[in-house]
Amino acid sequence: MWHDRYSVRSTSASIPDLVLDMPKKQKFPYLVGSKWTAQQETWGWRHFQVVNRKNQGAWVFAEMVAACDPAVRFWMNAKLLKDRSQWQAGWKSLHEVEEG
């Protein structure tokens, strides 16, 4: 039941009190393990996988690893993955990347 999951501050709790106690929604909940294709070669590669995430305040960072060369890894702001001019979700062929 809702009262098992959310604490109420007093017996006369108002709606704002209940809202403050709700768990916060995580940004990028499925980030780790996701696969991405860079629109331009990045350190010689286009296909990357997110292997780690780091939350720093309001920022979320993704550790990217090249699919064909695990030595190629870097951290980036996860928000940049939403920019379709730089990244596409999933591993795309060169033909698919060029088609846009």
PDB file of N, CA and C in Angstrom:
ATOM      1  N   MET A   1       0.836  -1.181   0.000  1.00  0.00           N
ATOM      2  CA  MET A   1       0.000   0.000   0.000  1.00  0.00           C
ATOM      3  C   MET A   1       0.881   1.244   0.000  1.00  0.00           C
ATOM      4  N   TRP A   2       0.312   2.364  -0.403  1.00  0.00           N
ATOM      5  CA  TRP A   2       1.100   3.591  -0.520  1.00  0.00           C
ATOM      6  C   TRP A   2       1.713   4.001   0.800  1.00  0.00           C
ATOM      7  N   HIS A   3       1.024   3.742   1.913  1.00  0.00           N
ATOM      8  CA  HIS A   3       1.550   4.183   3.199  1.00  0.00           C
ATOM      9  C   HIS A   3       2.728   3.331   3.663  1.00  0.00           C
ATOM     10  N   ASP A   4       2.896   2.139   3.110  1.00  0.00           N
ATOM     11  CA  ASP A   4       4.064   1.327   3.430  1.00  0.00           C
ATOM     12  C   ASP A   4       5.319   1.873   2.749  1.00  0.00           C
ATOM     13  N   ARG A   5       5.141   2.490   1.584  1.00  0.00           N
ATOM     14  CA  ARG A   5       6.281   2.961   0.797  1.00  0.00           C
ATOM     15  C   ARG A   5       6.652   4.411   1.102  1.00  0.00           C
ATOM     16  N   TYR A   6       5.663   5.238   1.427  1.00  0.00           N
ATOM     17  CA  TYR A   6       5.901   6.662   1.656  1.00  0.00           C
ATOM     18  C   TYR A   6       5.624   6.991   3.113  1.00  0.00           C
ATOM     19  N   SER A   7       6.528   7.724   3.711  1.00  0.00           N
ATOM     20  CA  SER A   7       6.307   8.099   5.101  1.00  0.00           C
ATOM     21  C   SER A   7       5.476   9.374   5.160  1.00  0.00           C
ATOM     22  N   VAL A   8       4.698   9.484   6.185  1.00  0.00           N
ATOM     23  CA  VAL A   8       3.893  10.682   6.405  1.00  0.00           C
ATOM     24  C   VAL A   8       4.484  11.380   7.614  1.00  0.00           C
ATOM     25  N   ARG A   9       4.699  12.684   7.499  1.00  0.00           N
ATOM     26  CA  ARG A   9       5.379  13.430   8.559  1.00  0.00           C
ATOM     27  C   ARG A   9       4.510  13.641   9.789  1.00  0.00           C
ATOM     28  N   SER A  10       3.225  13.761   9.607  1.00  0.00           N
ATOM     29  CA  SER A  10       2.329  13.932  10.747  1.00  0.00           C
ATOM     30  C   SER A  10       0.971  13.351  10.377  1.00  0.00           C
ATOM     31  N   THR A  11       0.111  13.268  11.367  1.00  0.00           N
ATOM     32  CA  THR A  11      -1.218  12.734  11.093  1.00  0.00           C
ATOM     33  C   THR A  11      -2.037  13.679  10.235  1.00  0.00           C
ATOM     34  N   SER A  12      -1.661  14.947  10.210  1.00  0.00           N
ATOM     35  CA  SER A  12      -2.381  15.916   9.372  1.00  0.00           C
ATOM     36  C   SER A  12      -1.515  16.295   8.170  1.00  0.00           C
ATOM     37  N   ALA A  13      -0.930  15.298   7.529  1.00  0.00           N
ATOM     38  CA  ALA A  13      -0.032  15.545   6.395  1.00  0.00           C
ATOM     39  C   ALA A  13      -0.800  16.149   5.232  1.00  0.00           C
ATOM     40  N   SER A  14      -0.176  17.125   4.618  1.00  0.00           N
ATOM     41  CA  SER A  14      -0.776  17.739   3.438  1.00  0.00           C
ATOM     42  C   SER A  14      -0.158  17.108   2.197  1.00  0.00           C
ATOM     43  N   ILE A  15      -0.726  17.397   1.052  1.00  0.00           N
ATOM     44  CA  ILE A  15      -0.200  16.869  -0.214  1.00  0.00           C
ATOM     45  C   ILE A  15       1.270  17.236  -0.403  1.00  0.00           C
ATOM     46  N   PRO A  16       1.697  18.490  -0.161  1.00  0.00           N
ATOM     47  CA  PRO A  16       3.129  18.798  -0.331  1.00  0.00           C
ATOM     48  C   PRO A  16       4.036  17.930   0.533  1.00  0.00           C
ATOM     49  N   ASP A  17       3.591  17.586   1.759  1.00  0.00           N
ATOM     50  CA  ASP A  17       4.398  16.715   2.611  1.00  0.00           C
ATOM     51  C   ASP A  17       4.571  15.343   1.969  1.00  0.00           C
ATOM     52  N   LEU A  18       3.505  14.818   1.385  1.00  0.00           N
ATOM     53  CA  LEU A  18       3.582  13.507   0.745  1.00  0.00           C
ATOM     54  C   LEU A  18       4.475  13.550  -0.483  1.00  0.00           C
ATOM     55  N   VAL A  19       4.402  14.614  -1.257  1.00  0.00           N
ATOM     56  CA  VAL A  19       5.217  14.749  -2.468  1.00  0.00           C
ATOM     57  C   VAL A  19       6.691  14.804  -2.108  1.00  0.00           C
ATOM     58  N   LEU A  20       7.036  15.481  -1.027  1.00  0.00           N
ATOM     59  CA  LEU A  20       8.436  15.583  -0.617  1.00  0.00           C
ATOM     60  C   LEU A  20       9.023  14.232  -0.244  1.00  0.00           C
ATOM     61  N   ASP A  21       8.197  13.312   0.207  1.00  0.00           N
ATOM     62  CA  ASP A  21       8.691  12.011   0.642  1.00  0.00           C
ATOM     63  C   ASP A  21       8.738  10.976  -0.477  1.00  0.00           C
ATOM     64  N   MET A  22       8.259  11.324  -1.665  1.00  0.00           N
ATOM     65  CA  MET A  22       8.266  10.366  -2.772  1.00  0.00           C
ATOM     66  C   MET A  22       9.688  10.174  -3.285  1.00  0.00           C
ATOM     67  N   PRO A  23      10.038   8.952  -3.708  1.00  0.00           N
ATOM     68  CA  PRO A  23      11.381   8.738  -4.256  1.00  0.00           C
ATOM     69  C   PRO A  23      11.566   9.556  -5.528  1.00  0.00           C
ATOM     70  N   LYS A  24      12.790  10.054  -5.721  1.00  0.00           N
ATOM     71  CA  LYS A  24      13.086  10.853  -6.908  1.00  0.00           C
ATOM     72  C   LYS A  24      13.260   9.950  -8.118  1.00  0.00           C
ATOM     73  N   LYS A  25      12.791  10.424  -9.260  1.00  0.00           N
ATOM     74  CA  LYS A  25      12.924   9.679 -10.508  1.00  0.00           C
ATOM     75  C   LYS A  25      14.376   9.767 -10.970  1.00  0.00           C
ATOM     76  N   GLN A  26      14.975   8.632 -11.280  1.00  0.00           N
ATOM     77  CA  GLN A  26      16.361   8.596 -11.722  1.00  0.00           C
ATOM     78  C   GLN A  26      16.463   9.027 -13.185  1.00  0.00           C
ATOM     79  N   LYS A  27      17.416   9.912 -13.472  1.00  0.00           N
ATOM     80  CA  LYS A  27      17.674  10.302 -14.858  1.00  0.00           C
ATOM     81  C   LYS A  27      18.418   9.167 -15.550  1.00  0.00           C
ATOM     82  N   PHE A  28      18.071   8.880 -16.782  1.00  0.00           N
ATOM     83  CA  PHE A  28      18.717   7.841 -17.585  1.00  0.00           C
ATOM     84  C   PHE A  28      18.729   6.486 -16.861  1.00  0.00           C
ATOM     85  N   PRO A  29      17.567   5.939 -16.524  1.00  0.00           N
ATOM     86  CA  PRO A  29      17.532   4.701 -15.739  1.00  0.00           C
ATOM     87  C   PRO A  29      18.121   3.480 -16.437  1.00  0.00           C
ATOM     88  N   TYR A  30      18.140   3.457 -17.767  1.00  0.00           N
ATOM     89  CA  TYR A  30      18.648   2.282 -18.494  1.00  0.00           C
ATOM     90  C   TYR A  30      19.973   2.582 -19.183  1.00  0.00           C
ATOM     91  N   LEU A  31      20.755   3.472 -18.633  1.00  0.00           N
ATOM     92  CA  LEU A  31      21.991   3.921 -19.273  1.00  0.00           C
ATOM     93  C   LEU A  31      23.039   2.806 -19.361  1.00  0.00           C
ATOM     94  N   VAL A  32      23.356   2.176 -18.243  1.00  0.00           N
ATOM     95  CA  VAL A  32      24.407   1.150 -18.225  1.00  0.00           C
ATOM     96  C   VAL A  32      23.964  -0.042 -19.068  1.00  0.00           C
ATOM     97  N   GLY A  33      24.843  -0.449 -19.978  1.00  0.00           N
ATOM     98  CA  GLY A  33      24.552  -1.557 -20.879  1.00  0.00           C
ATOM     99  C   GLY A  33      24.000  -1.108 -22.223  1.00  0.00           C
ATOM    100  N   SER A  34      23.626   0.170 -22.328  1.00  0.00           N
ATOM    101  CA  SER A  34      23.079   0.644 -23.606  1.00  0.00           C
ATOM    102  C   SER A  34      24.184   0.769 -24.648  1.00  0.00           C
ATOM    103  N   LYS A  35      23.798   0.609 -25.913  1.00  0.00           N
ATOM    104  CA  LYS A  35      24.751   0.626 -27.034  1.00  0.00           C
ATOM    105  C   LYS A  35      24.466   1.841 -27.901  1.00  0.00           C
ATOM    106  N   TRP A  36      25.539   2.458 -28.419  1.00  0.00           N
ATOM    107  CA  TRP A  36      25.428   3.707 -29.160  1.00  0.00           C
ATOM    108  C   TRP A  36      26.350   3.721 -30.360  1.00  0.00           C
ATOM    109  N   THR A  37      25.919   4.433 -31.392  1.00  0.00           N
ATOM    110  CA  THR A  37      26.731   4.645 -32.587  1.00  0.00           C
ATOM    111  C   THR A  37      27.022   6.131 -32.708  1.00  0.00           C
ATOM    112  N   ALA A  38      28.311   6.459 -32.799  1.00  0.00           N
ATOM    113  CA  ALA A  38      28.718   7.853 -32.992  1.00  0.00           C
ATOM    114  C   ALA A  38      28.517   8.228 -34.455  1.00  0.00           C
ATOM    115  N   GLN A  39      28.010   9.419 -34.713  1.00  0.00           N
ATOM    116  CA  GLN A  39      27.807   9.881 -36.082  1.00  0.00           C
ATOM    117  C   GLN A  39      29.147  10.115 -36.786  1.00  0.00           C
ATOM    118  N   GLN A  40      30.173  10.470 -36.018  1.00  0.00           N
ATOM    119  CA  GLN A  40      31.533  10.662 -36.532  1.00  0.00           C
ATOM    120  C   GLN A  40      32.455   9.699 -35.785  1.00  0.00           C
ATOM    121  N   GLU A  41      33.525   9.289 -36.436  1.00  0.00           N
ATOM    122  CA  GLU A  41      34.498   8.434 -35.745  1.00  0.00           C
ATOM    123  C   GLU A  41      34.972   9.135 -34.481  1.00  0.00           C
ATOM    124  N   THR A  42      35.040   8.368 -33.410  1.00  0.00           N
ATOM    125  CA  THR A  42      35.484   8.879 -32.119  1.00  0.00           C
ATOM    126  C   THR A  42      36.618   7.987 -31.650  1.00  0.00           C
ATOM    127  N   TRP A  43      37.813   8.527 -31.581  1.00  0.00           N
ATOM    128  CA  TRP A  43      39.021   7.753 -31.276  1.00  0.00           C
ATOM    129  C   TRP A  43      39.115   6.524 -32.178  1.00  0.00           C
ATOM    130  N   GLY A  44      38.741   6.701 -33.428  1.00  0.00           N
ATOM    131  CA  GLY A  44      38.873   5.649 -34.428  1.00  0.00           C
ATOM    132  C   GLY A  44      37.708   4.671 -34.503  1.00  0.00           C
ATOM    133  N   TRP A  45      36.694   4.850 -33.684  1.00  0.00           N
ATOM    134  CA  TRP A  45      35.582   3.903 -33.637  1.00  0.00           C
ATOM    135  C   TRP A  45      34.239   4.617 -33.680  1.00  0.00           C
ATOM    136  N   ARG A  46      33.200   3.854 -34.000  1.00  0.00           N
ATOM    137  CA  ARG A  46      31.835   4.397 -34.008  1.00  0.00           C
ATOM    138  C   ARG A  46      30.911   3.702 -33.007  1.00  0.00           C
ATOM    139  N   HIS A  47      31.191   2.437 -32.686  1.00  0.00           N
ATOM    140  CA  HIS A  47      30.289   1.674 -31.823  1.00  0.00           C
ATOM    141  C   HIS A  47      30.808   1.640 -30.389  1.00  0.00           C
ATOM    142  N   PHE A  48      29.925   2.033 -29.467  1.00  0.00           N
ATOM    143  CA  PHE A  48      30.293   2.125 -28.054  1.00  0.00           C
ATOM    144  C   PHE A  48      29.191   1.543 -27.183  1.00  0.00           C
ATOM    145  N   GLN A  49      29.607   1.143 -25.976  1.00  0.00           N
ATOM    146  CA  GLN A  49      28.652   0.664 -24.984  1.00  0.00           C
ATOM    147  C   GLN A  49      28.917   1.407 -23.679  1.00  0.00           C
ATOM    148  N   VAL A  50      27.841   1.722 -22.963  1.00  0.00           N
ATOM    149  CA  VAL A  50      27.973   2.370 -21.655  1.00  0.00           C
ATOM    150  C   VAL A  50      28.244   1.277 -20.627  1.00  0.00           C
ATOM    151  N   VAL A  51      29.372   1.394 -19.922  1.00  0.00           N
ATOM    152  CA  VAL A  51      29.737   0.371 -18.939  1.00  0.00           C
ATOM    153  C   VAL A  51      29.620   0.865 -17.502  1.00  0.00           C
ATOM    154  N   ASN A  52      29.441   2.178 -17.327  1.00  0.00           N
ATOM    155  CA  ASN A  52      29.358   2.720 -15.973  1.00  0.00           C
ATOM    156  C   ASN A  52      28.659   4.062 -16.025  1.00  0.00           C
ATOM    157  N   ARG A  53      28.117   4.478 -14.917  1.00  0.00           N
ATOM    158  CA  ARG A  53      27.506   5.800 -14.807  1.00  0.00           C
ATOM    159  C   ARG A  53      27.991   6.456 -13.524  1.00  0.00           C
ATOM    160  N   LYS A  54      27.987   7.778 -13.534  1.00  0.00           N
ATOM    161  CA  LYS A  54      28.404   8.536 -12.363  1.00  0.00           C
ATOM    162  C   LYS A  54      27.454   9.715 -12.232  1.00  0.00           C
ATOM    163  N   ASN A  55      26.870   9.866 -11.050  1.00  0.00           N
ATOM    164  CA  ASN A  55      26.012  11.013 -10.764  1.00  0.00           C
ATOM    165  C   ASN A  55      26.831  12.028  -9.981  1.00  0.00           C
ATOM    166  N   GLN A  56      26.876  13.252 -10.480  1.00  0.00           N
ATOM    167  CA  GLN A  56      27.559  14.332  -9.772  1.00  0.00           C
ATOM    168  C   GLN A  56      26.615  15.522  -9.729  1.00  0.00           C
ATOM    169  N   GLY A  57      25.929  15.658  -8.615  1.00  0.00           N
ATOM    170  CA  GLY A  57      24.928  16.711  -8.495  1.00  0.00           C
ATOM    171  C   GLY A  57      23.821  16.473  -9.501  1.00  0.00           C
ATOM    172  N   ALA A  58      23.528  17.489 -10.297  1.00  0.00           N
ATOM    173  CA  ALA A  58      22.472  17.373 -11.310  1.00  0.00           C
ATOM    174  C   ALA A  58      22.965  16.695 -12.580  1.00  0.00           C
ATOM    175  N   TRP A  59      24.255  16.429 -12.675  1.00  0.00           N
ATOM    176  CA  TRP A  59      24.847  15.867 -13.892  1.00  0.00           C
ATOM    177  C   TRP A  59      24.928  14.353 -13.813  1.00  0.00           C
ATOM    178  N   VAL A  60      24.748  13.706 -14.961  1.00  0.00           N
ATOM    179  CA  VAL A  60      24.923  12.256 -15.084  1.00  0.00           C
ATOM    180  C   VAL A  60      25.974  12.027 -16.165  1.00  0.00           C
ATOM    181  N   PHE A  61      26.992  11.245 -15.836  1.00  0.00           N
ATOM    182  CA  PHE A  61      28.058  10.940 -16.782  1.00  0.00           C
ATOM    183  C   PHE A  61      28.028   9.459 -17.137  1.00  0.00           C
ATOM    184  N   ALA A  62      28.376   9.165 -18.386  1.00  0.00           N
ATOM    185  CA  ALA A  62      28.414   7.789 -18.882  1.00  0.00           C
ATOM    186  C   ALA A  62      29.847   7.444 -19.259  1.00  0.00           C
ATOM    187  N   GLU A  63      30.309   6.266 -18.831  1.00  0.00           N
ATOM    188  CA  GLU A  63      31.615   5.782 -19.272  1.00  0.00           C
ATOM    189  C   GLU A  63      31.387   4.936 -20.515  1.00  0.00           C
ATOM    190  N   MET A  64      31.950   5.398 -21.624  1.00  0.00           N
ATOM    191  CA  MET A  64      31.785   4.751 -22.922  1.00  0.00           C
ATOM    192  C   MET A  64      33.006   3.892 -23.213  1.00  0.00           C
ATOM    193  N   VAL A  65      32.781   2.700 -23.787  1.00  0.00           N
ATOM    194  CA  VAL A  65      33.869   1.810 -24.187  1.00  0.00           C
ATOM    195  C   VAL A  65      33.616   1.392 -25.630  1.00  0.00           C
ATOM    196  N   ALA A  66      34.668   1.485 -26.460  1.00  0.00           N
ATOM    197  CA  ALA A  66      34.541   1.076 -27.861  1.00  0.00           C
ATOM    198  C   ALA A  66      34.267  -0.424 -27.921  1.00  0.00           C
ATOM    199  N   ALA A  67      33.307  -0.813 -28.742  1.00  0.00           N
ATOM    200  CA  ALA A  67      32.912  -2.220 -28.840  1.00  0.00           C
ATOM    201  C   ALA A  67      34.051  -3.111 -29.333  1.00  0.00           C
ATOM    202  N   CYS A  68      34.883  -2.601 -30.230  1.00  0.00           N
ATOM    203  CA  CYS A  68      35.953  -3.411 -30.828  1.00  0.00           C
ATOM    204  C   CYS A  68      37.312  -3.204 -30.172  1.00  0.00           C
ATOM    205  N   ASP A  69      37.405  -2.301 -29.213  1.00  0.00           N
ATOM    206  CA  ASP A  69      38.687  -2.029 -28.559  1.00  0.00           C
ATOM    207  C   ASP A  69      38.429  -1.552 -27.133  1.00  0.00           C
ATOM    208  N   PRO A  70      38.394  -2.482 -26.165  1.00  0.00           N
ATOM    209  CA  PRO A  70      38.087  -2.108 -24.784  1.00  0.00           C
ATOM    210  C   PRO A  70      39.089  -1.136 -24.160  1.00  0.00           C
ATOM    211  N   ALA A  71      40.242  -0.939 -24.804  1.00  0.00           N
ATOM    212  CA  ALA A  71      41.211   0.030 -24.289  1.00  0.00           C
ATOM    213  C   ALA A  71      40.752   1.466 -24.553  1.00  0.00           C
ATOM    214  N   VAL A  72      39.830   1.636 -25.501  1.00  0.00           N
ATOM    215  CA  VAL A  72      39.310   2.975 -25.812  1.00  0.00           C
ATOM    216  C   VAL A  72      38.093   3.212 -24.935  1.00  0.00           C
ATOM    217  N   ARG A  73      38.254   4.080 -23.948  1.00  0.00           N
ATOM    218  CA  ARG A  73      37.170   4.395 -23.018  1.00  0.00           C
ATOM    219  C   ARG A  73      37.267   5.843 -22.600  1.00  0.00           C
ATOM    220  N   PHE A  74      36.120   6.439 -22.362  1.00  0.00           N
ATOM    221  CA  PHE A  74      36.077   7.843 -21.958  1.00  0.00           C
ATOM    222  C   PHE A  74      34.762   8.117 -21.243  1.00  0.00           C
ATOM    223  N   TRP A  75      34.750   9.191 -20.457  1.00  0.00           N
ATOM    224  CA  TRP A  75      33.550   9.645 -19.763  1.00  0.00           C
ATOM    225  C   TRP A  75      32.956  10.813 -20.537  1.00  0.00           C
ATOM    226  N   MET A  76      31.632  10.868 -20.597  1.00  0.00           N
ATOM    227  CA  MET A  76      30.956  11.992 -21.246  1.00  0.00           C
ATOM    228  C   MET A  76      29.650  12.287 -20.520  1.00  0.00           C
ATOM    229  N   ASN A  77      29.165  13.499 -20.699  1.00  0.00           N
ATOM    230  CA  ASN A  77      27.875  13.880 -20.146  1.00  0.00           C
ATOM    231  C   ASN A  77      26.800  13.056 -20.859  1.00  0.00           C
ATOM    232  N   ALA A  78      26.019  12.297 -20.117  1.00  0.00           N
ATOM    233  CA  ALA A  78      25.011  11.415 -20.714  1.00  0.00           C
ATOM    234  C   ALA A  78      23.966  12.192 -21.508  1.00  0.00           C
ATOM    235  N   LYS A  79      23.774  13.444 -21.181  1.00  0.00           N
ATOM    236  CA  LYS A  79      22.792  14.262 -21.901  1.00  0.00           C
ATOM    237  C   LYS A  79      23.159  14.392 -23.384  1.00  0.00           C
ATOM    238  N   LEU A  80      24.453  14.317 -23.703  1.00  0.00           N
ATOM    239  CA  LEU A  80      24.894  14.424 -25.096  1.00  0.00           C
ATOM    240  C   LEU A  80      24.396  13.258 -25.946  1.00  0.00           C
ATOM    241  N   LEU A  81      24.075  12.136 -25.319  1.00  0.00           N
ATOM    242  CA  LEU A  81      23.569  10.983 -26.069  1.00  0.00           C
ATOM    243  C   LEU A  81      22.195  11.266 -26.685  1.00  0.00           C
ATOM    244  N   LYS A  82      21.512  12.271 -26.197  1.00  0.00           N
ATOM    245  CA  LYS A  82      20.204  12.637 -26.758  1.00  0.00           C
ATOM    246  C   LYS A  82      20.334  13.449 -28.044  1.00  0.00           C
ATOM    247  N   ASP A  83      21.535  13.934 -28.329  1.00  0.00           N
ATOM    248  CA  ASP A  83      21.770  14.748 -29.530  1.00  0.00           C
ATOM    249  C   ASP A  83      21.940  13.824 -30.731  1.00  0.00           C
ATOM    250  N   ARG A  84      20.906  13.709 -31.563  1.00  0.00           N
ATOM    251  CA  ARG A  84      20.920  12.786 -32.702  1.00  0.00           C
ATOM    252  C   ARG A  84      21.915  13.193 -33.784  1.00  0.00           C
ATOM    253  N   SER A  85      22.420  14.421 -33.745  1.00  0.00           N
ATOM    254  CA  SER A  85      23.449  14.804 -34.712  1.00  0.00           C
ATOM    255  C   SER A  85      24.809  14.231 -34.313  1.00  0.00           C
ATOM    256  N   GLN A  86      24.934  13.738 -33.056  1.00  0.00           N
ATOM    257  CA  GLN A  86      26.187  13.157 -32.579  1.00  0.00           C
ATOM    258  C   GLN A  86      26.089  11.658 -32.310  1.00  0.00           C
ATOM    259  N   TRP A  87      24.921  11.196 -31.836  1.00  0.00           N
ATOM    260  CA  TRP A  87      24.781   9.801 -31.408  1.00  0.00           C
ATOM    261  C   TRP A  87      23.446   9.221 -31.852  1.00  0.00           C
ATOM    262  N   GLN A  88      23.453   7.920 -32.169  1.00  0.00           N
ATOM    263  CA  GLN A  88      22.226   7.164 -32.431  1.00  0.00           C
ATOM    264  C   GLN A  88      22.184   5.981 -31.474  1.00  0.00           C
ATOM    265  N   ALA A  89      21.018   5.702 -30.933  1.00  0.00           N
ATOM    266  CA  ALA A  89      20.865   4.557 -30.037  1.00  0.00           C
ATOM    267  C   ALA A  89      21.034   3.265 -30.824  1.00  0.00           C
ATOM    268  N   GLY A  90      21.723   2.301 -30.227  1.00  0.00           N
ATOM    269  CA  GLY A  90      21.967   1.013 -30.881  1.00  0.00           C
ATOM    270  C   GLY A  90      23.202   1.069 -31.758  1.00  0.00           C
ATOM    271  N   TRP A  91      23.594  -0.101 -32.266  1.00  0.00           N
ATOM    272  CA  TRP A  91      24.742  -0.166 -33.171  1.00  0.00           C
ATOM    273  C   TRP A  91      24.220  -0.162 -34.590  1.00  0.00           C
ATOM    274  N   LYS A  92      24.543   0.871 -35.327  1.00  0.00           N
ATOM    275  CA  LYS A  92      24.075   1.050 -36.702  1.00  0.00           C
ATOM    276  C   LYS A  92      25.213   0.760 -37.673  1.00  0.00           C
ATOM    277  N   SER A  93      24.851   0.306 -38.875  1.00  0.00           N
ATOM    278  CA  SER A  93      25.852   0.107 -39.928  1.00  0.00           C
ATOM    279  C   SER A  93      26.248   1.472 -40.482  1.00  0.00           C
ATOM    280  N   LEU A  94      27.379   1.524 -41.179  1.00  0.00           N
ATOM    281  CA  LEU A  94      27.827   2.777 -41.783  1.00  0.00           C
ATOM    282  C   LEU A  94      26.771   3.291 -42.755  1.00  0.00           C
ATOM    283  N   HIS A  95      26.142   2.375 -43.474  1.00  0.00           N
ATOM    284  CA  HIS A  95      25.077   2.749 -44.411  1.00  0.00           C
ATOM    285  C   HIS A  95      23.915   3.436 -43.671  1.00  0.00           C
ATOM    286  N   GLU A  96      23.515   2.875 -42.531  1.00  0.00           N
ATOM    287  CA  GLU A  96      22.430   3.470 -41.740  1.00  0.00           C
ATOM    288  C   GLU A  96      22.817   4.839 -41.194  1.00  0.00           C
ATOM    289  N   VAL A  97      24.080   4.993 -40.799  1.00  0.00           N
ATOM    290  CA  VAL A  97      24.552   6.275 -40.274  1.00  0.00           C
ATOM    291  C   VAL A  97      24.517   7.329 -41.369  1.00  0.00           C
ATOM    292  N   GLU A  98      24.963   6.962 -42.559  1.00  0.00           N
ATOM    293  CA  GLU A  98      25.004   7.917 -43.669  1.00  0.00           C
ATOM    294  C   GLU A  98      23.605   8.322 -44.127  1.00  0.00           C
ATOM    295  N   GLU A  99      22.638   7.402 -44.001  1.00  0.00           N
ATOM    296  CA  GLU A  99      21.259   7.727 -44.366  1.00  0.00           C
ATOM    297  C   GLU A  99      20.638   8.706 -43.377  1.00  0.00           C
ATOM    298  N   GLY A 100      21.160   8.682 -42.154  1.00  0.00           N
ATOM    299  CA  GLY A 100      20.713   9.631 -41.156  1.00  0.00           C
ATOM    300  C   GLY A 100      19.534   9.234 -40.407  1.00  0.00           C
TER     301      GLY A 100
END
